[in-house]
């Protein structure tokens, strides 16, 4: 299951992230995945002062989002990382690794997240291409929007032919590791939100009880 979140970032946050990226030092992106020869991008140096500020801006935006909370049921959020693609750069088809190491320790990647910081008009190519069986979906959202998708999904970044693609990526370990279980809980949340005040209180209580018990039963 995929979820687009419009305007995850506020306009001033987008502007500040672009300013940070304009001054920060970027390194060869293969530093974080040296075994993948199809990866050709750059990522912000973790030792650069701009890294900490950008991570704080992006992490705050993700943590305040009700959509992220309902869709992912987050347990651990990896520090978001600025990534940049210049003309000719790409990232070949891959699925994200099952576990990564963060400053807080090892975490499982259940949900992957791409946050778009460049405007689509500022670059050509660079779509996030998701492979769904024999079909492909190209994703290129406005600045500040993000896409959440299962980390096991085969995906790639097609080559940039003009301009600069600036995004941030992160990974989320969910309280509920099973994707189908998360989707069921998300649908229950959606039903409750859509019914709102039309639902009798006793039915709302019953629905909330089922949802809470499912989270309790399925969480790790």
N, C-alpha and C. Protein backbone atom coordinates (compact mmCIF):
# COMPACT_ATOMS: atom_id res chain seq x y z
N UNK A 1 0.84 -1.19 0.00
CA UNK A 1 0.00 0.00 0.00
C UNK A 1 0.88 1.25 0.00
N UNK A 2 0.48 2.23 -0.77
CA UNK A 2 1.22 3.48 -0.92
C UNK A 2 0.37 4.63 -0.36
N UNK A 3 1.05 5.66 0.11
CA UNK A 3 0.33 6.84 0.57
C UNK A 3 1.11 8.09 0.17
N UNK A 4 0.44 8.98 -0.58
CA UNK A 4 0.99 10.29 -0.87
C UNK A 4 0.51 11.26 0.20
N UNK A 5 1.44 12.06 0.73
CA UNK A 5 1.08 13.08 1.71
C UNK A 5 1.43 14.44 1.10
N UNK A 6 0.43 15.21 0.68
CA UNK A 6 0.72 16.56 0.15
C UNK A 6 1.18 17.49 1.27
N UNK A 7 2.12 18.35 0.94
CA UNK A 7 2.54 19.41 1.86
C UNK A 7 2.95 18.89 3.23
N UNK A 8 3.72 17.80 3.22
CA UNK A 8 4.32 17.36 4.49
C UNK A 8 5.21 18.46 5.05
N UNK A 9 5.96 19.11 4.15
CA UNK A 9 6.82 20.22 4.53
C UNK A 9 6.11 21.55 4.27
N UNK A 10 6.29 22.49 5.18
CA UNK A 10 5.79 23.84 4.97
C UNK A 10 6.74 24.59 4.03
N UNK A 11 6.23 25.62 3.33
CA UNK A 11 7.08 26.33 2.35
C UNK A 11 8.38 26.84 2.94
N UNK A 12 8.36 27.35 4.17
CA UNK A 12 9.59 27.86 4.77
C UNK A 12 10.58 26.74 5.06
N UNK A 13 10.06 25.54 5.32
CA UNK A 13 10.94 24.39 5.55
C UNK A 13 11.60 23.96 4.24
N UNK A 14 10.84 23.98 3.15
CA UNK A 14 11.42 23.66 1.84
C UNK A 14 12.53 24.65 1.51
N UNK A 15 12.25 25.94 1.73
CA UNK A 15 13.26 26.96 1.42
C UNK A 15 14.53 26.75 2.24
N UNK A 16 14.34 26.45 3.52
CA UNK A 16 15.52 26.27 4.39
C UNK A 16 16.31 25.03 3.99
N UNK A 17 15.64 23.96 3.63
CA UNK A 17 16.35 22.75 3.21
C UNK A 17 17.13 22.99 1.93
N UNK A 18 16.58 23.79 1.03
CA UNK A 18 17.32 24.13 -0.19
C UNK A 18 18.55 24.96 0.14
N UNK A 19 18.41 25.89 1.09
CA UNK A 19 19.56 26.69 1.51
C UNK A 19 20.65 25.81 2.11
N UNK A 20 20.24 24.89 2.96
CA UNK A 20 21.21 23.97 3.58
C UNK A 20 21.93 23.16 2.51
N UNK A 21 21.14 22.62 1.56
CA UNK A 21 21.73 21.79 0.51
C UNK A 21 22.68 22.59 -0.37
N UNK A 22 22.39 23.88 -0.53
CA UNK A 22 23.24 24.72 -1.37
C UNK A 22 24.61 24.97 -0.77
N UNK A 23 24.73 24.85 0.57
CA UNK A 23 26.01 25.09 1.24
C UNK A 23 26.69 23.82 1.73
N UNK A 24 25.92 22.77 1.92
CA UNK A 24 26.46 21.56 2.55
C UNK A 24 27.38 20.79 1.62
N UNK A 25 28.21 19.97 2.23
CA UNK A 25 29.11 19.09 1.49
C UNK A 25 28.37 17.78 1.21
N UNK A 26 28.41 17.34 -0.04
CA UNK A 26 27.78 16.08 -0.44
C UNK A 26 28.86 15.09 -0.85
N UNK A 27 28.61 13.82 -0.54
CA UNK A 27 29.55 12.74 -0.84
C UNK A 27 28.93 11.75 -1.81
N UNK A 28 29.77 10.89 -2.36
CA UNK A 28 29.30 9.82 -3.25
C UNK A 28 28.27 8.97 -2.51
N UNK A 29 27.08 8.82 -3.10
CA UNK A 29 26.02 8.08 -2.45
C UNK A 29 26.32 6.62 -2.22
N UNK A 30 27.31 6.08 -2.92
CA UNK A 30 27.64 4.66 -2.75
C UNK A 30 28.26 4.39 -1.38
N UNK A 31 28.57 5.45 -0.64
CA UNK A 31 29.13 5.26 0.70
C UNK A 31 28.15 4.50 1.60
N UNK A 32 26.84 4.65 1.33
CA UNK A 32 25.84 3.96 2.16
C UNK A 32 25.37 2.64 1.56
N UNK A 33 25.77 2.37 0.31
CA UNK A 33 25.41 1.10 -0.32
C UNK A 33 26.48 0.74 -1.34
N UNK A 34 27.69 0.42 -0.86
CA UNK A 34 28.82 0.20 -1.77
C UNK A 34 28.65 -1.01 -2.68
N UNK A 35 27.77 -1.93 -2.32
CA UNK A 35 27.59 -3.13 -3.12
C UNK A 35 26.72 -2.93 -4.34
N UNK A 36 26.03 -1.79 -4.44
CA UNK A 36 25.11 -1.56 -5.56
C UNK A 36 25.78 -0.64 -6.58
N UNK A 37 26.24 -1.23 -7.68
CA UNK A 37 26.95 -0.46 -8.69
C UNK A 37 26.02 0.42 -9.53
N UNK A 38 24.69 0.23 -9.38
CA UNK A 38 23.74 1.06 -10.14
C UNK A 38 23.40 2.36 -9.42
N UNK A 39 23.89 2.51 -8.20
CA UNK A 39 23.60 3.72 -7.44
C UNK A 39 24.58 4.82 -7.84
N UNK A 40 24.06 5.92 -8.35
CA UNK A 40 24.88 7.04 -8.79
C UNK A 40 24.20 8.33 -8.38
N UNK A 41 24.47 8.75 -7.15
CA UNK A 41 23.93 10.01 -6.65
C UNK A 41 24.88 10.54 -5.58
N UNK A 42 24.51 11.63 -4.94
CA UNK A 42 25.29 12.13 -3.82
C UNK A 42 24.37 12.31 -2.63
N UNK A 43 24.95 12.25 -1.45
CA UNK A 43 24.17 12.45 -0.22
C UNK A 43 24.95 13.33 0.73
N UNK A 44 24.22 14.02 1.58
CA UNK A 44 24.86 15.00 2.45
C UNK A 44 25.83 14.29 3.41
N UNK A 45 26.96 14.93 3.63
CA UNK A 45 27.97 14.41 4.55
C UNK A 45 27.42 14.44 5.97
N UNK A 46 27.46 13.32 6.65
CA UNK A 46 26.93 13.25 8.01
C UNK A 46 27.73 14.12 8.98
N UNK A 47 28.94 14.51 8.60
CA UNK A 47 29.76 15.36 9.45
C UNK A 47 29.54 16.85 9.18
N UNK A 48 28.78 17.16 8.13
CA UNK A 48 28.52 18.56 7.79
C UNK A 48 27.50 19.14 8.77
N UNK A 49 27.70 20.39 9.23
CA UNK A 49 26.75 21.00 10.16
C UNK A 49 25.31 21.03 9.62
N UNK A 50 25.17 21.13 8.30
CA UNK A 50 23.83 21.17 7.73
C UNK A 50 23.07 19.87 7.88
N UNK A 51 23.79 18.77 8.07
CA UNK A 51 23.11 17.48 8.20
C UNK A 51 22.19 17.47 9.42
N UNK A 52 22.70 17.93 10.55
CA UNK A 52 21.90 17.90 11.78
C UNK A 52 20.66 18.77 11.66
N UNK A 53 20.81 19.97 11.08
CA UNK A 53 19.65 20.85 10.95
C UNK A 53 18.63 20.27 9.97
N UNK A 54 19.10 19.74 8.85
CA UNK A 54 18.16 19.17 7.88
C UNK A 54 17.43 17.97 8.47
N UNK A 55 18.12 17.14 9.21
CA UNK A 55 17.50 15.98 9.84
C UNK A 55 16.43 16.40 10.85
N UNK A 56 16.72 17.46 11.60
CA UNK A 56 15.75 17.96 12.57
C UNK A 56 14.50 18.49 11.89
N UNK A 57 14.67 19.26 10.81
CA UNK A 57 13.52 19.81 10.08
C UNK A 57 12.66 18.68 9.53
N UNK A 58 13.30 17.73 8.87
CA UNK A 58 12.56 16.64 8.24
C UNK A 58 11.93 15.71 9.28
N UNK A 59 12.67 15.41 10.34
CA UNK A 59 12.13 14.54 11.38
C UNK A 59 10.94 15.16 12.08
N UNK A 60 11.00 16.47 12.34
CA UNK A 60 9.88 17.16 12.97
C UNK A 60 8.64 17.11 12.09
N UNK A 61 8.82 17.30 10.78
CA UNK A 61 7.69 17.25 9.85
C UNK A 61 7.03 15.87 9.84
N UNK A 62 7.84 14.83 9.85
CA UNK A 62 7.30 13.47 9.84
C UNK A 62 6.59 13.15 11.15
N UNK A 63 7.16 13.60 12.25
CA UNK A 63 6.58 13.26 13.56
C UNK A 63 5.29 14.02 13.85
N UNK A 64 5.10 15.17 13.23
CA UNK A 64 3.87 15.93 13.48
C UNK A 64 2.73 15.48 12.55
N UNK A 65 3.03 14.65 11.56
CA UNK A 65 2.05 14.26 10.56
C UNK A 65 1.13 13.16 11.08
N UNK A 66 -0.17 13.44 11.13
CA UNK A 66 -1.13 12.42 11.52
C UNK A 66 -1.20 11.30 10.48
N UNK A 67 -1.03 11.67 9.18
CA UNK A 67 -1.06 10.66 8.12
C UNK A 67 0.08 9.66 8.29
N UNK A 68 1.28 10.13 8.62
CA UNK A 68 2.41 9.23 8.84
C UNK A 68 2.12 8.31 10.01
N UNK A 69 1.59 8.87 11.09
CA UNK A 69 1.30 8.07 12.28
C UNK A 69 0.27 6.99 11.99
N UNK A 70 -0.80 7.34 11.28
CA UNK A 70 -1.87 6.37 11.00
C UNK A 70 -1.43 5.32 10.00
N UNK A 71 -0.64 5.72 9.01
CA UNK A 71 -0.27 4.79 7.94
C UNK A 71 0.86 3.86 8.37
N UNK A 72 1.83 4.39 9.10
CA UNK A 72 3.04 3.62 9.42
C UNK A 72 3.04 3.01 10.81
N UNK A 73 2.28 3.58 11.75
CA UNK A 73 2.37 3.16 13.15
C UNK A 73 3.84 3.11 13.57
N UNK A 74 4.54 4.25 13.53
CA UNK A 74 6.00 4.25 13.68
C UNK A 74 6.47 3.77 15.05
N UNK A 75 7.51 2.99 15.01
CA UNK A 75 8.24 2.58 16.22
C UNK A 75 9.59 3.28 16.25
N UNK A 76 10.29 3.26 15.11
CA UNK A 76 11.59 3.92 14.97
C UNK A 76 11.61 4.64 13.63
N UNK A 77 12.10 5.87 13.65
CA UNK A 77 12.28 6.65 12.43
C UNK A 77 13.77 6.87 12.22
N UNK A 78 14.28 6.41 11.06
CA UNK A 78 15.69 6.65 10.76
C UNK A 78 15.93 8.13 10.48
N UNK A 79 17.09 8.65 10.82
CA UNK A 79 17.38 10.06 10.52
C UNK A 79 17.24 10.33 9.02
N UNK A 80 16.38 11.25 8.60
CA UNK A 80 16.23 11.54 7.17
C UNK A 80 17.53 12.09 6.57
N UNK A 81 17.74 11.76 5.30
CA UNK A 81 19.00 12.08 4.64
C UNK A 81 18.75 12.80 3.32
N UNK A 82 19.39 13.95 3.12
CA UNK A 82 19.30 14.69 1.86
C UNK A 82 20.10 13.96 0.78
N UNK A 83 19.48 13.77 -0.39
CA UNK A 83 20.14 13.14 -1.53
C UNK A 83 19.97 14.03 -2.75
N UNK A 84 21.02 14.07 -3.58
CA UNK A 84 21.00 14.96 -4.74
C UNK A 84 21.40 14.19 -6.00
N UNK A 85 20.67 14.48 -7.08
CA UNK A 85 20.95 13.88 -8.38
C UNK A 85 21.21 14.98 -9.40
N UNK A 86 22.36 14.91 -10.05
CA UNK A 86 22.71 15.82 -11.14
C UNK A 86 22.47 15.11 -12.48
N UNK A 87 22.56 15.84 -13.60
CA UNK A 87 22.35 15.18 -14.90
C UNK A 87 23.21 13.93 -15.08
N UNK A 88 22.58 12.87 -15.52
CA UNK A 88 23.25 11.59 -15.72
C UNK A 88 23.19 10.67 -14.52
N UNK A 89 22.82 11.20 -13.36
CA UNK A 89 22.76 10.37 -12.16
C UNK A 89 21.44 9.62 -12.09
N UNK A 90 21.48 8.45 -11.43
CA UNK A 90 20.31 7.59 -11.32
C UNK A 90 20.53 6.62 -10.17
N UNK A 91 19.53 5.79 -9.92
CA UNK A 91 19.64 4.70 -8.95
C UNK A 91 18.86 3.53 -9.53
N UNK A 92 19.55 2.49 -9.92
CA UNK A 92 18.92 1.37 -10.59
C UNK A 92 17.91 0.64 -9.72
N UNK A 93 17.15 -0.24 -10.36
CA UNK A 93 16.07 -0.96 -9.68
C UNK A 93 16.61 -1.75 -8.49
N UNK A 94 15.95 -1.61 -7.36
CA UNK A 94 16.37 -2.29 -6.13
C UNK A 94 15.22 -2.30 -5.13
N UNK A 95 15.30 -3.17 -4.17
CA UNK A 95 14.46 -3.11 -2.98
C UNK A 95 15.35 -2.71 -1.81
N UNK A 96 14.82 -1.95 -0.89
CA UNK A 96 15.63 -1.48 0.22
C UNK A 96 16.00 -2.64 1.15
N UNK A 97 17.15 -2.53 1.75
CA UNK A 97 17.64 -3.59 2.63
C UNK A 97 16.70 -3.76 3.82
N UNK A 98 16.70 -4.96 4.39
CA UNK A 98 15.76 -5.28 5.46
C UNK A 98 16.11 -4.58 6.77
N UNK A 99 17.41 -4.39 7.02
CA UNK A 99 17.85 -3.75 8.27
C UNK A 99 18.92 -2.71 7.95
N UNK A 100 18.90 -1.62 8.69
CA UNK A 100 19.95 -0.61 8.59
C UNK A 100 20.44 -0.28 10.00
N UNK A 101 21.62 0.29 10.07
CA UNK A 101 22.18 0.71 11.35
C UNK A 101 22.04 2.22 11.48
N UNK A 102 21.47 2.67 12.58
CA UNK A 102 21.28 4.08 12.86
C UNK A 102 22.03 4.44 14.14
N UNK A 103 22.15 5.73 14.45
CA UNK A 103 22.80 6.10 15.72
C UNK A 103 22.14 5.45 16.94
N UNK A 104 20.85 5.12 16.83
CA UNK A 104 20.15 4.48 17.94
C UNK A 104 20.26 2.97 17.95
N UNK A 105 20.90 2.41 16.94
CA UNK A 105 21.04 0.96 16.85
C UNK A 105 20.47 0.42 15.55
N UNK A 106 20.34 -0.87 15.49
CA UNK A 106 19.86 -1.54 14.28
C UNK A 106 18.33 -1.46 14.22
N UNK A 107 17.79 -1.21 13.03
CA UNK A 107 16.34 -1.13 12.88
C UNK A 107 15.91 -1.84 11.60
N UNK A 108 14.69 -2.35 11.62
CA UNK A 108 14.10 -3.01 10.46
C UNK A 108 13.43 -1.95 9.58
N UNK A 109 13.56 -2.09 8.27
CA UNK A 109 12.92 -1.14 7.36
C UNK A 109 11.60 -1.74 6.88
N UNK A 110 10.50 -1.22 7.38
CA UNK A 110 9.17 -1.66 6.96
C UNK A 110 8.58 -0.73 5.91
N UNK A 111 8.77 0.57 6.09
CA UNK A 111 8.21 1.58 5.19
C UNK A 111 9.33 2.51 4.74
N UNK A 112 9.39 2.76 3.44
CA UNK A 112 10.35 3.72 2.89
C UNK A 112 9.63 5.02 2.58
N UNK A 113 10.37 6.11 2.65
CA UNK A 113 9.78 7.43 2.45
C UNK A 113 10.70 8.29 1.59
N UNK A 114 10.13 8.90 0.57
CA UNK A 114 10.84 9.90 -0.23
C UNK A 114 10.10 11.23 -0.09
N UNK A 115 10.84 12.27 0.29
CA UNK A 115 10.29 13.61 0.43
C UNK A 115 10.89 14.48 -0.66
N UNK A 116 10.04 15.08 -1.48
CA UNK A 116 10.50 15.87 -2.62
C UNK A 116 10.77 17.31 -2.18
N UNK A 117 11.96 17.81 -2.53
CA UNK A 117 12.36 19.16 -2.14
C UNK A 117 12.52 20.07 -3.35
N UNK A 118 12.96 19.52 -4.47
CA UNK A 118 13.02 20.29 -5.72
C UNK A 118 11.63 20.40 -6.33
N UNK A 119 11.38 21.51 -7.02
CA UNK A 119 10.16 21.61 -7.82
C UNK A 119 10.28 20.72 -9.06
N UNK A 120 9.20 20.08 -9.50
CA UNK A 120 9.28 19.22 -10.68
C UNK A 120 9.78 19.94 -11.93
N UNK A 121 9.49 21.23 -12.03
CA UNK A 121 9.92 21.99 -13.22
C UNK A 121 11.42 22.26 -13.23
N UNK A 122 12.08 22.04 -12.08
CA UNK A 122 13.50 22.35 -11.98
C UNK A 122 14.40 21.25 -12.53
N UNK A 123 13.81 20.11 -12.87
CA UNK A 123 14.64 19.03 -13.42
C UNK A 123 13.79 18.15 -14.33
N UNK A 124 14.46 17.50 -15.27
CA UNK A 124 13.81 16.54 -16.16
C UNK A 124 14.34 15.15 -15.85
N UNK A 125 13.47 14.13 -16.02
CA UNK A 125 13.83 12.80 -15.59
C UNK A 125 13.75 12.74 -14.08
N UNK A 126 14.47 11.79 -13.49
CA UNK A 126 14.53 11.71 -12.03
C UNK A 126 13.28 11.20 -11.36
N UNK A 127 12.34 10.62 -12.11
CA UNK A 127 11.14 10.09 -11.47
C UNK A 127 11.48 8.90 -10.58
N UNK A 128 10.78 8.79 -9.48
CA UNK A 128 10.81 7.57 -8.69
C UNK A 128 9.91 6.56 -9.41
N UNK A 129 10.50 5.51 -9.92
CA UNK A 129 9.76 4.52 -10.71
C UNK A 129 9.57 3.26 -9.87
N UNK A 130 8.32 2.92 -9.64
CA UNK A 130 7.98 1.76 -8.83
C UNK A 130 7.51 0.63 -9.75
N UNK A 131 8.04 -0.55 -9.54
CA UNK A 131 7.70 -1.72 -10.35
C UNK A 131 6.65 -2.55 -9.60
N UNK A 132 5.50 -2.70 -10.22
CA UNK A 132 4.41 -3.48 -9.64
C UNK A 132 4.08 -4.60 -10.62
N UNK A 133 4.73 -5.74 -10.45
CA UNK A 133 4.57 -6.81 -11.41
C UNK A 133 5.14 -6.38 -12.75
N UNK A 134 4.33 -6.46 -13.80
CA UNK A 134 4.76 -6.04 -15.13
C UNK A 134 4.48 -4.56 -15.40
N UNK A 135 3.86 -3.89 -14.45
CA UNK A 135 3.53 -2.47 -14.61
C UNK A 135 4.54 -1.61 -13.85
N UNK A 136 4.69 -0.37 -14.30
CA UNK A 136 5.53 0.59 -13.59
C UNK A 136 4.73 1.87 -13.34
N UNK A 137 5.04 2.53 -12.24
CA UNK A 137 4.40 3.79 -11.89
C UNK A 137 5.50 4.82 -11.68
N UNK A 138 5.41 5.95 -12.35
CA UNK A 138 6.39 7.03 -12.20
C UNK A 138 5.85 8.09 -11.25
N UNK A 139 6.66 8.46 -10.28
CA UNK A 139 6.23 9.39 -9.23
C UNK A 139 7.18 10.59 -9.22
N UNK A 140 6.59 11.77 -9.35
CA UNK A 140 7.36 13.02 -9.33
C UNK A 140 6.44 14.09 -8.75
N UNK A 141 6.56 14.34 -7.48
CA UNK A 141 5.60 15.19 -6.77
C UNK A 141 6.14 16.61 -6.60
N UNK A 142 5.24 17.55 -6.31
CA UNK A 142 5.68 18.92 -5.99
C UNK A 142 6.54 18.96 -4.74
N UNK A 143 7.29 20.03 -4.62
CA UNK A 143 8.15 20.22 -3.45
C UNK A 143 7.31 20.21 -2.17
N UNK A 144 7.80 19.50 -1.17
CA UNK A 144 7.11 19.40 0.12
C UNK A 144 6.24 18.18 0.25
N UNK A 145 5.91 17.52 -0.87
CA UNK A 145 5.10 16.31 -0.82
C UNK A 145 5.99 15.10 -0.54
N UNK A 146 5.38 14.03 -0.05
CA UNK A 146 6.15 12.82 0.17
C UNK A 146 5.34 11.60 -0.23
N UNK A 147 6.04 10.49 -0.43
CA UNK A 147 5.43 9.22 -0.75
C UNK A 147 5.94 8.18 0.24
N UNK A 148 5.01 7.39 0.78
CA UNK A 148 5.34 6.28 1.67
C UNK A 148 5.00 4.98 0.97
N UNK A 149 5.87 4.00 1.04
CA UNK A 149 5.63 2.73 0.35
C UNK A 149 6.40 1.62 1.06
N UNK A 150 5.95 0.36 0.89
CA UNK A 150 6.64 -0.75 1.56
C UNK A 150 8.09 -0.86 1.09
N UNK A 151 8.99 -1.10 2.03
CA UNK A 151 10.41 -1.11 1.71
C UNK A 151 10.81 -2.28 0.82
N UNK A 152 9.98 -3.32 0.75
CA UNK A 152 10.32 -4.46 -0.10
C UNK A 152 9.97 -4.21 -1.56
N UNK A 153 9.34 -3.08 -1.88
CA UNK A 153 8.91 -2.77 -3.24
C UNK A 153 10.12 -2.52 -4.14
N UNK A 154 10.12 -3.12 -5.34
CA UNK A 154 11.17 -2.86 -6.31
C UNK A 154 10.96 -1.46 -6.90
N UNK A 155 11.99 -0.63 -6.82
CA UNK A 155 11.86 0.75 -7.28
C UNK A 155 13.22 1.26 -7.76
N UNK A 156 13.20 2.38 -8.45
CA UNK A 156 14.43 2.98 -8.96
C UNK A 156 14.21 4.48 -9.14
N UNK A 157 15.31 5.19 -9.36
CA UNK A 157 15.26 6.60 -9.77
C UNK A 157 15.81 6.66 -11.19
N UNK A 158 14.98 7.09 -12.13
CA UNK A 158 15.42 7.12 -13.53
C UNK A 158 16.42 8.26 -13.71
N UNK A 159 17.27 8.19 -14.73
CA UNK A 159 18.33 9.20 -14.89
C UNK A 159 17.77 10.62 -15.00
N UNK A 160 18.45 11.54 -14.36
CA UNK A 160 18.15 12.97 -14.50
C UNK A 160 18.82 13.46 -15.78
N UNK A 161 18.06 14.16 -16.61
CA UNK A 161 18.62 14.65 -17.87
C UNK A 161 18.88 16.16 -17.84
N UNK A 162 18.25 16.87 -16.92
CA UNK A 162 18.46 18.33 -16.79
C UNK A 162 18.16 18.76 -15.38
N UNK A 163 18.93 19.73 -14.88
CA UNK A 163 18.64 20.30 -13.58
C UNK A 163 19.14 19.44 -12.43
N UNK A 164 18.54 19.65 -11.28
CA UNK A 164 18.97 18.98 -10.06
C UNK A 164 17.76 18.45 -9.29
N UNK A 165 17.82 17.20 -8.96
CA UNK A 165 16.77 16.55 -8.15
C UNK A 165 17.25 16.47 -6.70
N UNK A 166 16.58 17.19 -5.83
CA UNK A 166 16.91 17.17 -4.41
C UNK A 166 15.75 16.55 -3.65
N UNK A 167 16.03 15.49 -2.92
CA UNK A 167 15.01 14.79 -2.13
C UNK A 167 15.61 14.46 -0.77
N UNK A 168 14.76 13.99 0.12
CA UNK A 168 15.22 13.38 1.36
C UNK A 168 14.60 11.99 1.44
N UNK A 169 15.35 11.07 1.99
CA UNK A 169 14.84 9.71 2.16
C UNK A 169 14.95 9.31 3.62
N UNK A 170 14.07 8.42 4.03
CA UNK A 170 14.17 7.84 5.36
C UNK A 170 13.44 6.52 5.37
N UNK A 171 13.57 5.81 6.49
CA UNK A 171 12.94 4.50 6.66
C UNK A 171 12.26 4.46 8.02
N UNK A 172 11.20 3.68 8.08
CA UNK A 172 10.41 3.59 9.31
C UNK A 172 10.25 2.13 9.71
N UNK A 173 10.56 1.83 10.95
CA UNK A 173 10.22 0.53 11.53
C UNK A 173 8.87 0.69 12.21
N UNK A 174 7.93 -0.15 11.83
CA UNK A 174 6.57 -0.03 12.34
C UNK A 174 6.37 -0.88 13.58
N UNK A 175 5.45 -0.44 14.42
CA UNK A 175 5.02 -1.28 15.54
C UNK A 175 4.38 -2.57 15.04
N UNK A 176 3.80 -2.51 13.83
CA UNK A 176 3.12 -3.66 13.23
C UNK A 176 3.89 -4.03 11.96
N UNK A 177 4.75 -5.04 12.00
CA UNK A 177 5.62 -5.32 10.86
C UNK A 177 4.92 -5.87 9.63
N UNK A 178 3.78 -6.53 9.81
CA UNK A 178 3.09 -7.13 8.67
C UNK A 178 2.33 -6.06 7.88
N UNK A 179 2.64 -5.95 6.59
CA UNK A 179 2.03 -4.91 5.76
C UNK A 179 0.51 -5.03 5.69
N UNK A 180 -0.01 -6.25 5.55
CA UNK A 180 -1.46 -6.43 5.46
C UNK A 180 -2.14 -6.04 6.77
N UNK A 181 -1.51 -6.36 7.89
CA UNK A 181 -2.08 -5.97 9.18
C UNK A 181 -2.12 -4.45 9.31
N UNK A 182 -1.03 -3.78 8.89
CA UNK A 182 -1.01 -2.31 8.95
C UNK A 182 -2.12 -1.72 8.08
N UNK A 183 -2.32 -2.31 6.91
CA UNK A 183 -3.34 -1.79 6.01
C UNK A 183 -4.74 -1.93 6.61
N UNK A 184 -4.99 -3.05 7.29
CA UNK A 184 -6.29 -3.25 7.92
C UNK A 184 -6.53 -2.21 9.01
N UNK A 185 -5.51 -1.95 9.81
CA UNK A 185 -5.65 -0.95 10.87
C UNK A 185 -5.85 0.43 10.28
N UNK A 186 -5.13 0.72 9.20
CA UNK A 186 -5.28 2.01 8.53
C UNK A 186 -6.71 2.18 8.01
N UNK A 187 -7.28 1.12 7.42
CA UNK A 187 -8.65 1.20 6.90
C UNK A 187 -9.65 1.43 8.03
N UNK A 188 -9.41 0.82 9.17
CA UNK A 188 -10.30 1.06 10.31
C UNK A 188 -10.22 2.52 10.75
N UNK A 189 -9.01 3.09 10.73
CA UNK A 189 -8.86 4.51 11.05
C UNK A 189 -9.62 5.38 10.05
N UNK A 190 -9.54 5.00 8.76
CA UNK A 190 -10.22 5.77 7.73
C UNK A 190 -11.73 5.71 7.90
N UNK A 191 -12.24 4.52 8.23
CA UNK A 191 -13.69 4.38 8.46
C UNK A 191 -14.12 5.28 9.62
N UNK A 192 -13.37 5.25 10.70
CA UNK A 192 -13.70 6.08 11.86
C UNK A 192 -13.67 7.57 11.51
N UNK A 193 -12.69 7.97 10.70
CA UNK A 193 -12.58 9.38 10.32
C UNK A 193 -13.72 9.79 9.39
N UNK A 194 -14.09 8.92 8.46
CA UNK A 194 -15.14 9.25 7.50
C UNK A 194 -16.52 9.30 8.17
N UNK A 195 -16.74 8.41 9.09
CA UNK A 195 -18.04 8.38 9.78
C UNK A 195 -18.18 9.53 10.76
N UNK A 196 -17.06 9.82 11.46
CA UNK A 196 -17.04 10.96 12.36
C UNK A 196 -18.20 10.97 13.33
N UNK A 197 -18.90 12.10 13.36
CA UNK A 197 -19.98 12.30 14.31
C UNK A 197 -21.24 11.54 13.93
N UNK A 198 -21.26 10.94 12.73
CA UNK A 198 -22.43 10.15 12.34
C UNK A 198 -22.51 8.82 13.07
N UNK A 199 -21.41 8.39 13.63
CA UNK A 199 -21.35 7.10 14.30
C UNK A 199 -21.83 7.23 15.74
N UNK A 200 -22.67 6.30 16.15
CA UNK A 200 -23.11 6.29 17.54
C UNK A 200 -21.91 6.02 18.44
N UNK A 201 -21.95 6.62 19.63
CA UNK A 201 -20.81 6.50 20.53
C UNK A 201 -20.49 5.05 20.86
N UNK A 202 -21.53 4.23 21.06
CA UNK A 202 -21.26 2.84 21.41
C UNK A 202 -20.56 2.10 20.27
N UNK A 203 -20.90 2.46 19.02
CA UNK A 203 -20.24 1.83 17.89
C UNK A 203 -18.81 2.34 17.72
N UNK A 204 -18.62 3.62 18.01
CA UNK A 204 -17.27 4.17 17.96
C UNK A 204 -16.38 3.50 19.00
N UNK A 205 -16.91 3.27 20.17
CA UNK A 205 -16.15 2.59 21.22
C UNK A 205 -15.78 1.17 20.79
N UNK A 206 -16.74 0.48 20.18
CA UNK A 206 -16.48 -0.88 19.72
C UNK A 206 -15.40 -0.90 18.64
N UNK A 207 -15.49 0.05 17.70
CA UNK A 207 -14.49 0.13 16.64
C UNK A 207 -13.11 0.43 17.21
N UNK A 208 -13.04 1.39 18.12
CA UNK A 208 -11.75 1.74 18.72
C UNK A 208 -11.17 0.57 19.52
N UNK A 209 -12.04 -0.19 20.16
CA UNK A 209 -11.59 -1.35 20.93
C UNK A 209 -10.98 -2.41 20.01
N UNK A 210 -11.67 -2.69 18.90
CA UNK A 210 -11.14 -3.66 17.94
C UNK A 210 -9.79 -3.20 17.41
N UNK A 211 -9.71 -1.92 17.02
CA UNK A 211 -8.46 -1.39 16.48
C UNK A 211 -7.32 -1.50 17.50
N UNK A 212 -7.59 -1.11 18.73
CA UNK A 212 -6.55 -1.17 19.76
C UNK A 212 -6.11 -2.59 20.03
N UNK A 213 -7.07 -3.52 20.03
CA UNK A 213 -6.73 -4.91 20.30
C UNK A 213 -5.92 -5.53 19.16
N UNK A 214 -6.24 -5.12 17.94
CA UNK A 214 -5.46 -5.61 16.80
C UNK A 214 -4.01 -5.10 16.88
N UNK A 215 -3.85 -3.83 17.20
CA UNK A 215 -2.49 -3.28 17.36
C UNK A 215 -1.78 -4.01 18.47
N UNK A 216 -2.46 -4.26 19.57
CA UNK A 216 -1.86 -4.97 20.70
C UNK A 216 -1.44 -6.38 20.29
N UNK A 217 -2.26 -7.04 19.51
CA UNK A 217 -2.01 -8.43 19.11
C UNK A 217 -0.88 -8.52 18.08
N UNK A 218 -0.81 -7.54 17.15
CA UNK A 218 0.11 -7.63 16.03
C UNK A 218 1.42 -6.89 16.23
N UNK A 219 1.50 -6.05 17.26
CA UNK A 219 2.70 -5.23 17.41
C UNK A 219 3.86 -6.02 17.99
N UNK A 220 5.06 -5.53 17.72
CA UNK A 220 6.28 -6.16 18.24
C UNK A 220 6.99 -5.20 19.19
